[in-house]
Amino acid sequence: MAIGTSNRVVIDVPLELKRRLHAALAADGQTLRQWFVDSAEKYLTRYETGQRELPMAAESREEWGVR
């Protein structure tokens, strides 16, 4: 994985996944950028505090970055 010096993150994902994600985020009033930054911050907080397991499905939508 190349790590450049810009502030961009570039990943290839299946087109259908991209479409579904954009549609779901738009329905929740979020952009992909907002969701990614929020999700990355939450992930890093969990990682840095030793809580490396993903939250269980029963936890709140906010935990997953969904409004």
C-alpha atoms as a PDB file:
ATOM      1  CA  MET A   1       0.000   0.000   0.000  1.00  0.00           C
ATOM      2  CA  ALA A   2       1.473   3.310  -1.070  1.00  0.00           C
ATOM      3  CA  ILE A   3       1.337   6.105   1.470  1.00  0.00           C
ATOM      4  CA  GLY A   4       1.779   9.517  -0.101  1.00  0.00           C
ATOM      5  CA  THR A   5       2.102  12.969   1.419  1.00  0.00           C
ATOM      6  CA  SER A   6      -1.273  14.352   0.308  1.00  0.00           C
ATOM      7  CA  ASN A   7      -4.449  14.350   2.383  1.00  0.00           C
ATOM      8  CA  ARG A   8      -6.222  11.990  -0.021  1.00  0.00           C
ATOM      9  CA  VAL A   9      -7.156   8.369   0.563  1.00  0.00           C
ATOM     10  CA  VAL A  10      -7.737   6.418  -2.645  1.00  0.00           C
ATOM     11  CA  ILE A  11      -9.211   2.929  -2.616  1.00  0.00           C
ATOM     12  CA  ASP A  12     -10.800   0.710  -5.226  1.00  0.00           C
ATOM     13  CA  VAL A  13     -14.120  -0.809  -4.202  1.00  0.00           C
ATOM     14  CA  PRO A  14     -16.746  -2.706  -6.161  1.00  0.00           C
ATOM     15  CA  LEU A  15     -18.971  -0.250  -8.041  1.00  0.00           C
ATOM     16  CA  GLU A  16     -22.198  -1.624  -6.554  1.00  0.00           C
ATOM     17  CA  LEU A  17     -20.810  -1.235  -3.027  1.00  0.00           C
ATOM     18  CA  LYS A  18     -19.861   2.360  -3.815  1.00  0.00           C
ATOM     19  CA  ARG A  19     -23.349   3.118  -5.151  1.00  0.00           C
ATOM     20  CA  ARG A  20     -25.095   1.521  -2.166  1.00  0.00           C
ATOM     21  CA  LEU A  21     -22.864   3.323   0.304  1.00  0.00           C
ATOM     22  CA  HIS A  22     -23.381   6.730  -1.327  1.00  0.00           C
ATOM     23  CA  ALA A  23     -27.154   6.159  -1.434  1.00  0.00           C
ATOM     24  CA  ALA A  24     -27.348   5.092   2.218  1.00  0.00           C
ATOM     25  CA  LEU A  25     -25.198   7.995   3.385  1.00  0.00           C
ATOM     26  CA  ALA A  26     -27.206  10.484   1.321  1.00  0.00           C
ATOM     27  CA  ALA A  27     -30.404   9.145   2.877  1.00  0.00           C
ATOM     28  CA  ASP A  28     -28.853   9.799   6.295  1.00  0.00           C
ATOM     29  CA  GLY A  29     -27.714  13.281   5.264  1.00  0.00           C
ATOM     30  CA  GLN A  30     -24.006  12.491   5.256  1.00  0.00           C
ATOM     31  CA  THR A  31     -21.216  12.604   2.711  1.00  0.00           C
ATOM     32  CA  LEU A  32     -18.734   9.802   2.184  1.00  0.00           C
ATOM     33  CA  ARG A  33     -16.007  12.107   3.483  1.00  0.00           C
ATOM     34  CA  GLN A  34     -17.932  12.899   6.692  1.00  0.00           C
ATOM     35  CA  TRP A  35     -18.671   9.239   7.279  1.00  0.00           C
ATOM     36  CA  PHE A  36     -15.102   8.148   6.607  1.00  0.00           C
ATOM     37  CA  VAL A  37     -13.536  10.773   8.879  1.00  0.00           C
ATOM     38  CA  ASP A  38     -16.023  10.032  11.697  1.00  0.00           C
ATOM     39  CA  SER A  39     -15.589   6.270  11.307  1.00  0.00           C
ATOM     40  CA  ALA A  40     -11.799   6.521  11.147  1.00  0.00           C
ATOM     41  CA  GLU A  41     -11.702   8.673  14.296  1.00  0.00           C
ATOM     42  CA  LYS A  42     -13.922   6.196  16.159  1.00  0.00           C
ATOM     43  CA  TYR A  43     -11.840   3.252  14.953  1.00  0.00           C
ATOM     44  CA  LEU A  44      -8.586   4.896  16.009  1.00  0.00           C
ATOM     45  CA  THR A  45      -9.994   5.796  19.423  1.00  0.00           C
ATOM     46  CA  ARG A  46     -11.027   2.173  19.948  1.00  0.00           C
ATOM     47  CA  TYR A  47      -7.674   0.923  18.631  1.00  0.00           C
ATOM     48  CA  GLU A  48      -5.607   3.300  20.744  1.00  0.00           C
ATOM     49  CA  THR A  49      -7.527   2.392  23.904  1.00  0.00           C
ATOM     50  CA  GLY A  50      -7.188  -1.348  23.333  1.00  0.00           C
ATOM     51  CA  GLN A  51     -10.834  -1.901  22.332  1.00  0.00           C
ATOM     52  CA  ARG A  52      -9.984  -3.576  19.050  1.00  0.00           C
ATOM     53  CA  GLU A  53     -13.111  -5.680  18.594  1.00  0.00           C
ATOM     54  CA  LEU A  54     -15.800  -4.255  16.359  1.00  0.00           C
ATOM     55  CA  PRO A  55     -18.994  -3.242  18.151  1.00  0.00           C
ATOM     56  CA  MET A  56     -21.761  -5.827  18.243  1.00  0.00           C
ATOM     57  CA  ALA A  57     -24.778  -5.414  15.967  1.00  0.00           C
ATOM     58  CA  ALA A  58     -27.004  -4.636  18.952  1.00  0.00           C
ATOM     59  CA  GLU A  59     -25.024  -1.476  19.773  1.00  0.00           C
ATOM     60  CA  SER A  60     -26.324   1.913  18.729  1.00  0.00           C
ATOM     61  CA  ARG A  61     -26.251   3.232  15.167  1.00  0.00           C
ATOM     62  CA  GLU A  62     -24.120   6.142  16.378  1.00  0.00           C
ATOM     63  CA  GLU A  63     -21.347   3.709  17.269  1.00  0.00           C
ATOM     64  CA  TRP A  64     -21.132   2.813  13.578  1.00  0.00           C
ATOM     65  CA  GLY A  65     -21.231   6.424  12.431  1.00  0.00           C
ATOM     66  CA  VAL A  66     -24.811   6.223  11.150  1.00  0.00           C
ATOM     67  CA  ARG A  67     -27.192   9.033  12.001  1.00  0.00           C
END
